[in-house]
Protein backbone atom coordinates (compact mmCIF):
# COMPACT_ATOMS: atom_id res chain seq x y z
CA MET A 1 16.41 11.39 0.76
CA MET A 2 15.04 8.10 2.04
CA ALA A 3 11.58 8.95 0.70
CA LEU A 4 12.91 9.21 -2.85
CA VAL A 5 14.49 5.80 -2.50
CA LEU A 6 11.21 4.34 -1.31
CA PHE A 7 9.31 5.82 -4.24
CA LYS A 8 11.32 3.55 -6.51
CA ARG A 9 10.13 0.40 -4.81
CA VAL A 10 7.23 -1.73 -5.93
CA CYS A 11 4.09 -1.79 -3.84
CA PRO A 12 0.49 -0.80 -4.49
CA LEU A 13 0.52 1.36 -1.40
CA TYR A 14 4.18 2.40 -1.22
CA PRO A 15 3.61 6.11 -2.00
CA LEU A 16 1.68 6.29 1.26
CA LEU A 17 4.53 4.73 3.17
CA ALA A 18 7.21 6.88 1.57
CA PHE A 19 6.27 9.75 3.86
CA MET A 20 6.88 7.61 6.93
CA TYR A 21 10.61 7.13 6.74
CA ASN A 22 12.74 10.16 7.49
CA THR A 23 15.72 8.12 8.71
CA PRO A 24 17.12 4.80 7.56
CA MET A 25 16.77 1.63 9.62
CA LYS A 26 19.87 1.00 11.74
CA GLU A 27 19.62 -2.78 11.34
CA ASN A 28 17.78 -5.26 9.19
CA LYS A 29 14.78 -6.46 11.13
CA PHE A 30 11.02 -6.11 11.06
CA LYS A 31 10.14 -2.88 12.85
CA PRO A 32 6.54 -1.74 12.20
CA GLN A 33 6.01 2.00 12.14
CA GLU A 34 2.40 2.22 10.97
CA ILE A 35 -0.95 0.47 11.24
CA MET A 36 -2.57 0.18 7.81
CA PHE A 37 -6.24 -0.77 8.11
CA SER A 38 -8.16 -2.37 5.24
CA PRO A 39 -11.66 -2.18 6.77
CA THR A 40 -13.51 -3.57 3.76
CA THR A 41 -12.89 -5.42 0.51
CA ARG A 42 -15.97 -3.86 -1.12
CA CYS A 43 -15.32 -1.63 -4.11
CA ASN A 44 -17.34 0.18 -6.75
CA LEU A 45 -14.79 -0.61 -9.48
CA ARG A 46 -13.62 -3.86 -11.07
CA CYS A 47 -10.07 -3.08 -12.20
CA VAL A 48 -8.32 -5.54 -14.50
CA HIS A 49 -5.12 -5.61 -12.43
CA CYS A 50 -6.71 -5.94 -8.98
CA GLY A 51 -6.75 -9.30 -7.25
CA THR A 52 -8.68 -8.31 -4.12
CA GLU A 53 -11.62 -10.64 -3.52
CA GLN A 54 -14.75 -8.81 -2.40
CA THR A 55 -15.90 -10.90 0.54
CA GLY A 56 -18.27 -8.35 2.02
CA LYS A 57 -16.99 -9.05 5.55
CA PRO A 58 -16.03 -5.76 7.26
CA LEU A 59 -13.28 -5.37 9.84
CA PRO A 60 -14.96 -5.28 13.28
CA LYS A 61 -14.67 -1.76 14.66
CA LYS A 62 -14.37 -2.76 18.32
CA THR A 63 -11.53 -5.19 17.62
CA ALA A 64 -9.75 -2.62 15.46
CA LEU A 65 -10.14 0.03 18.15
CA ASN A 66 -8.66 -2.26 20.79
CA PHE A 67 -5.71 -2.94 18.49
CA LEU A 68 -5.28 0.78 17.80
CA ASP A 69 -5.10 1.43 21.52
CA ALA A 70 -2.57 -1.37 22.04
CA CYS A 71 -0.37 -0.11 19.20
CA ASN A 72 -0.48 3.44 20.53
CA LYS A 73 0.69 2.26 23.95
CA PHE A 74 3.36 0.16 22.24
CA GLY A 75 4.69 3.25 20.44
CA ILE A 76 3.23 2.88 16.94
CA LYS A 77 1.66 6.28 16.31
CA ARG A 78 0.86 6.39 12.58
CA VAL A 79 -2.37 5.18 10.95
CA GLY A 80 -3.44 4.74 7.32
CA PHE A 81 -6.41 3.27 5.44
CA THR A 82 -6.87 1.30 2.24
CA GLY A 83 -9.39 -1.18 0.85
CA GLY A 84 -11.28 -2.27 -1.21
CA GLU A 85 -12.70 1.21 -1.27
CA PRO A 86 -12.28 2.53 2.30
CA PHE A 87 -15.08 5.08 1.92
CA TYR A 88 -17.47 2.13 1.88
CA ALA A 89 -16.54 1.84 5.56
CA LEU A 90 -17.10 5.48 6.52
CA ASP A 91 -18.18 4.64 10.07
CA PHE A 92 -14.87 2.81 10.53
CA LEU A 93 -12.85 5.74 9.14
CA CYS A 94 -14.66 8.20 11.41
CA LEU A 95 -14.33 6.09 14.55
CA ILE A 96 -10.63 5.36 14.09
CA SER A 97 -9.98 9.00 13.17
CA LYS A 98 -11.73 10.28 16.31
CA GLU A 99 -9.98 7.81 18.55
CA GLY A 100 -6.64 8.34 16.85
CA VAL A 101 -6.88 12.08 17.47
CA ARG A 102 -7.89 11.48 21.08
CA ARG A 103 -4.75 9.39 21.56
CA GLY A 104 -2.47 11.91 19.86
CA MET A 105 -1.75 9.66 16.87
CA PHE A 106 -0.85 10.72 13.32
CA PHE A 107 -2.49 9.95 9.99
CA ASP A 108 -0.74 8.91 6.82
CA HIS A 109 -3.12 8.48 3.86
CA ILE A 110 -6.46 7.15 2.76
CA ILE A 111 -6.08 5.49 -0.62
CA THR A 112 -9.23 5.79 -2.72
CA ASN A 113 -10.50 5.71 -6.30
CA ALA A 114 -12.35 9.00 -5.59
CA VAL A 115 -15.49 8.01 -7.52
CA TRP A 116 -17.45 6.14 -4.83
CA PHE A 117 -20.08 8.87 -4.35
CA LYS A 118 -23.31 9.37 -6.31
CA THR A 119 -23.78 13.14 -5.92
CA LYS A 120 -21.65 16.14 -5.04
CA LYS A 121 -23.88 16.65 -2.01
CA GLU A 122 -22.98 13.17 -0.77
CA LEU A 123 -19.29 13.82 -1.49
CA TYR A 124 -19.27 17.03 0.54
CA SER A 125 -21.23 15.46 3.40
CA VAL A 126 -18.91 12.45 3.68
CA LEU A 127 -15.66 14.40 3.48
CA ASN A 128 -16.95 16.98 5.94
CA GLN A 129 -17.83 14.21 8.41
CA LEU A 130 -14.29 12.89 8.15
CA PHE A 131 -12.86 16.39 8.61
CA LEU A 132 -14.97 16.98 11.73
CA CYS A 133 -13.71 13.69 13.16
CA GLY A 134 -10.21 15.17 13.09
CA TYR A 135 -8.68 13.32 10.14
CA ASP A 136 -5.73 15.44 8.98
CA GLY A 137 -3.85 13.00 6.78
CA ARG A 138 -3.75 13.03 3.00
CA PHE A 139 -5.63 11.24 0.24
CA PHE A 140 -4.02 9.09 -2.39
CA VAL A 141 -6.14 8.74 -5.51
CA SER A 142 -5.38 5.97 -7.99
CA VAL A 143 -5.50 7.33 -11.54
CA ASP A 144 -4.10 5.31 -14.44
CA ALA A 145 -5.11 3.19 -17.43
CA PHE A 146 -6.42 0.42 -15.17
CA HIS A 147 -8.92 2.41 -13.10
CA ASN A 148 -12.13 2.96 -15.07
CA GLN A 149 -13.12 6.23 -13.43
CA ASP A 150 -15.26 9.18 -14.38
CA LEU A 151 -12.57 11.86 -14.30
CA ARG A 152 -15.18 14.53 -13.66
CA LYS A 153 -15.90 12.85 -10.32
CA VAL A 154 -12.17 12.62 -9.55
CA ALA A 155 -11.87 16.35 -10.23
CA SER A 156 -14.83 17.01 -7.93
CA PHE A 157 -13.22 14.96 -5.18
CA ILE A 158 -9.99 16.95 -5.44
CA LYS A 159 -11.82 20.28 -5.41
CA VAL A 160 -14.03 19.44 -2.43
CA ALA A 161 -11.21 17.90 -0.38
CA SER A 162 -9.00 20.93 -1.03
CA GLN A 163 -11.87 23.24 -0.07
CA ILE A 164 -12.70 21.46 3.19
CA TRP A 165 -9.14 20.96 4.42
CA THR A 166 -7.92 24.25 2.86
CA LEU A 167 -4.76 22.54 1.66
CA PRO A 168 -3.65 22.65 -1.99
CA ASN A 169 -1.73 19.37 -1.61
CA ILE A 170 -4.30 17.37 0.38
CA VAL A 171 -4.60 14.97 -2.60
CA SER A 172 -1.82 13.08 -4.35
CA ILE A 173 -2.09 10.64 -7.24
CA SER A 174 -0.61 7.17 -7.60
CA SER A 175 -0.27 5.67 -11.08
CA VAL A 176 0.83 2.27 -12.31
CA LYS A 177 3.68 2.34 -14.81
CA GLY A 178 5.38 -0.29 -16.92
CA THR A 179 2.51 -0.89 -19.33
CA ARG A 180 -0.24 1.19 -20.99
CA GLU A 181 1.60 4.34 -19.95
CA ARG A 182 0.31 6.36 -22.92
CA GLU A 183 -3.27 5.78 -21.74
CA THR A 184 -2.29 6.80 -18.22
CA ARG A 185 -0.70 10.04 -19.43
CA THR A 186 -3.82 10.81 -21.48
CA LYS A 187 -6.04 10.35 -18.42
CA LEU A 188 -3.83 12.54 -16.25
CA LYS A 189 -3.79 15.26 -18.91
CA LYS A 190 -7.60 15.16 -19.09
CA LEU A 191 -7.82 15.41 -15.31
CA ALA A 192 -5.51 18.42 -15.35
CA ASP A 193 -7.71 20.06 -17.99
CA LEU A 194 -10.80 19.51 -15.83
CA LEU A 195 -8.99 21.23 -12.96
CA GLU A 196 -7.76 24.02 -15.26
CA ALA A 197 -4.25 23.05 -14.23
CA ARG A 198 -0.96 22.08 -15.84
CA PHE A 199 0.22 18.48 -16.10
CA THR A 200 4.02 18.24 -15.94
CA GLY A 201 4.23 14.68 -17.26
CA LEU A 202 5.62 11.43 -15.89
CA THR A 203 9.27 11.94 -16.74
CA SER A 204 10.50 12.24 -13.16
CA GLN A 205 9.51 11.96 -9.51
CA LYS A 206 8.50 15.63 -9.70
CA ALA A 207 5.47 14.89 -11.88
CA SER A 208 2.44 16.89 -10.81
CA ILE A 209 -0.80 18.62 -11.69
CA ARG A 210 -0.72 22.19 -10.47
CA ASN A 211 -2.19 25.66 -10.67
CA LYS A 212 -2.71 28.47 -8.17
CA ASP A 213 -5.20 26.34 -6.20
CA PHE A 214 -3.76 22.81 -6.40
CA LEU A 215 -0.44 21.04 -6.06
CA ILE A 216 -1.17 17.39 -6.81
CA ASN A 217 1.97 15.30 -6.72
CA ILE A 218 1.99 12.18 -8.90
CA PHE A 219 3.86 9.08 -7.80
CA SER A 220 4.36 6.17 -10.18
CA PHE A 221 5.04 2.57 -9.22
CA ASN A 222 5.75 -0.50 -11.30
CA LEU A 223 2.98 -2.94 -12.06
CA SER A 224 3.58 -6.38 -10.60
CA PRO A 225 2.04 -8.86 -13.05
CA VAL A 226 0.58 -11.27 -10.53
CA GLY A 227 -2.86 -12.82 -10.26
CA LYS A 228 -5.27 -11.16 -12.70
CA ALA A 229 -2.48 -8.87 -13.95
CA VAL A 230 -0.18 -11.70 -15.04
CA ARG A 231 -1.09 -11.20 -18.70
CA LEU A 232 -0.35 -7.48 -18.68
CA LYS A 233 3.44 -7.51 -18.54
CA ASN A 234 6.44 -9.85 -18.61
CA PRO A 235 8.02 -9.55 -15.14
CA TRP A 236 11.27 -11.25 -16.10
CA ASP A 237 12.88 -8.13 -17.53
CA GLY A 238 16.52 -9.21 -17.49
CA LYS A 239 17.94 -7.57 -14.37
CA TRP A 240 17.84 -8.39 -10.68
CA PHE A 241 16.19 -5.97 -8.25
CA GLU A 242 18.12 -4.15 -5.56
CA ASP A 243 17.33 -5.80 -2.24
CA ASP A 244 16.02 -3.28 0.29
CA PHE A 245 14.96 -5.84 2.93
CA CYS A 246 11.36 -4.78 2.33
CA LYS A 247 11.89 -1.24 3.62
CA GLY A 248 9.44 0.11 1.02
CA PRO A 249 6.23 -1.90 1.28
CA GLY A 250 7.07 -3.39 4.66
CA HIS A 251 7.49 -2.36 8.30
CA ILE A 252 3.77 -2.00 8.89
CA PHE A 253 1.00 -3.91 10.57
CA PHE A 254 -1.26 -4.38 7.55
CA VAL A 255 -4.64 -5.33 9.02
CA LEU A 256 -7.00 -7.02 6.57
CA SER A 257 -10.77 -7.06 6.87
CA ASP A 258 -10.65 -10.68 8.13
CA GLN A 259 -8.51 -9.42 11.06
CA THR A 260 -5.31 -11.12 9.88
CA VAL A 261 -2.09 -9.11 10.00
CA LYS A 262 0.66 -8.97 7.39
CA PRO A 263 4.10 -7.34 7.70
CA CYS A 264 3.80 -5.55 4.36
CA CYS A 265 1.28 -4.33 1.80
CA GLY A 266 3.07 -5.75 -1.27
CA TYR A 267 1.52 -7.81 -4.03
CA ALA A 268 2.30 -11.10 -2.25
CA HIS A 269 0.67 -10.12 1.04
CA GLU A 270 -2.31 -12.45 0.63
CA ALA A 271 -0.07 -15.53 0.84
CA ASP A 272 -0.63 -17.48 4.06
CA ILE A 273 3.11 -17.68 4.67
CA LEU A 274 3.11 -13.89 5.21
CA THR A 275 0.47 -13.99 7.95
CA ILE A 276 1.94 -13.01 11.32
CA GLY A 277 -1.20 -13.18 13.42
CA SER A 278 -4.62 -11.67 14.03
CA ILE A 279 -5.74 -8.55 15.87
CA LYS A 280 -8.51 -10.69 17.36
CA ARG A 281 -6.05 -12.53 19.58
CA ASP A 282 -2.56 -11.02 19.23
CA SER A 283 -1.00 -7.97 20.86
CA PRO A 284 1.60 -5.88 18.99
CA GLN A 285 4.28 -7.59 21.08
CA GLN A 286 2.99 -11.02 20.10
CA LEU A 287 2.83 -10.02 16.42
CA LEU A 288 6.50 -9.01 16.57
CA LEU A 289 7.35 -12.36 18.13
CA ASN A 290 5.28 -14.17 15.50
CA ALA A 291 7.11 -12.28 12.75
CA LYS A 292 10.45 -13.26 14.27
CA GLN A 293 9.39 -16.89 14.46
CA ASN A 294 7.97 -16.88 10.91
CA ARG A 295 11.00 -18.12 9.00
CA PHE A 296 9.97 -16.56 5.68
CA VAL A 297 9.13 -13.14 7.13
CA SER A 298 12.23 -12.95 9.31
CA THR A 299 14.48 -14.04 6.43
CA VAL A 300 13.07 -11.42 4.05
CA PHE A 301 13.53 -8.60 6.56
CA GLU A 302 16.86 -9.73 8.02
CA SER A 303 18.73 -11.53 5.21
CA GLY A 304 16.84 -10.34 2.13
CA LEU A 305 15.17 -11.94 -0.86
CA HIS A 306 18.47 -12.39 -2.66
CA ALA A 307 19.71 -14.64 0.14
CA ILE A 308 16.71 -16.88 -0.52
CA ARG A 309 17.28 -16.72 -4.28
CA LYS A 310 20.93 -17.70 -4.02
CA GLN A 311 20.17 -20.59 -1.69
CA LEU A 312 17.46 -21.89 -4.04
CA GLU A 313 19.83 -21.61 -6.99
CA SER A 314 22.47 -23.56 -5.09
CA SER A 315 19.79 -26.22 -4.55
CA GLY A 316 19.27 -26.52 -8.29
CA ILE A 317 16.36 -24.14 -8.86
CA ARG A 318 16.54 -22.18 -12.11
CA PHE A 319 14.32 -19.14 -12.35
CA PRO A 320 12.66 -18.17 -15.67
CA GLY A 321 14.82 -15.03 -15.78
CA LYS A 322 15.77 -11.99 -13.73
CA THR A 323 13.35 -9.38 -12.46
CA THR A 324 13.74 -5.81 -11.23
CA ASN A 325 10.47 -6.16 -9.30
CA HIS A 326 11.13 -7.44 -5.80
CA CYS A 327 7.44 -7.68 -4.89
CA PHE A 328 6.87 -9.90 -7.91
CA PHE A 329 9.79 -12.08 -6.86
CA CYS A 330 8.32 -12.43 -3.36
CA TYR A 331 5.03 -13.44 -5.00
CA TYR A 332 6.86 -15.98 -7.16
CA LEU A 333 8.54 -17.53 -4.13
CA THR A 334 5.27 -17.81 -2.20
CA HIS A 335 3.21 -19.14 -5.11
CA HIS A 336 5.54 -21.16 -7.35
CA ILE A 337 8.26 -22.70 -5.17
CA PRO A 338 7.15 -25.95 -3.46
CA ARG A 339 6.71 -25.21 0.23
CA PRO A 340 8.95 -28.05 1.52
CA LEU A 341 11.78 -26.84 -0.72
CA LEU A 342 11.25 -23.22 0.33
CA ASN A 343 11.20 -24.18 4.02
CA SER A 344 14.42 -26.15 3.65
CA CYS A 345 16.05 -23.20 1.91
CA LEU A 346 14.92 -20.80 4.65
CA GLU A 347 16.45 -23.01 7.33
CA LYS A 348 19.78 -23.01 5.51
CA VAL A 349 19.75 -19.22 5.12
CA HIS A 350 18.91 -18.89 8.81
CA LYS A 351 21.85 -21.06 9.84
CA LYS A 352 24.21 -18.92 7.75
CA SER A 353 23.01 -15.64 9.25
């Protein structure tokens, strides 16, 4: 299944996107199928692998709503939320959920650390508000060695969400793998114990925490050692990644809190070269045109990262090694290759295509 292929790709949000693709793309080009809103960069945690800067500037609701309406008319019907911690923008979640329902749109996931609340009363009140607004997507909770959470609060979140939505699988878990995996397994086992459930381990894509009340699927993705996480793992692991033309983390309008739009949610998304516009001024049609005219973005989606790699190598560039992590390689290109050289390489790849 396409979803199982996507689960193997590297992206902090890719488990959310894996549910989107039921059929393969017929051709290699950027074709957004979801709006992913990041309404705030605020967060209650300071995770050692996270590079998100907490600016405190929220995504304007009116501008986001106008963009939602334009995307719906354009044919993009799926919506998701991330952060920062998206529950620090509850009014945004509720508004977009209400308006999404009114327009007949679909919800993917809200990705959360599940420990943003102070009391169980607050937790119930907030989740119930979201439920009454019509949100019927899922929740992805990050649980691994890097998230310093109170697991009792995570367990409470799972219980209350399952109670309100009356769905045993309303919550899934995403975990970083590739380093400190023993600590991650220990945390997941403790969470299972708090839920009086069984933890099946991280040996396959069928990992889960389950009992008669819960079915919590666990999806693991590789850590990309970029930014603050660069010291956590050697990314040059001796083998080249399989090029998927960014089908995993890409094919979305990823809307940041500063209103800029990226074509993917991968670890390199903050690079200016991956900006394809702004919801403040650009329609979905214009964003698609911008993506087509952005030589880096169009090359990644149409020719692939390996086409760029091979052209750079033919120009004399020697990489430190090989990596199985295509998001890391994208980050390396956007942060370590001199821009004039990269631009020249992109032009040559374009002429060959």
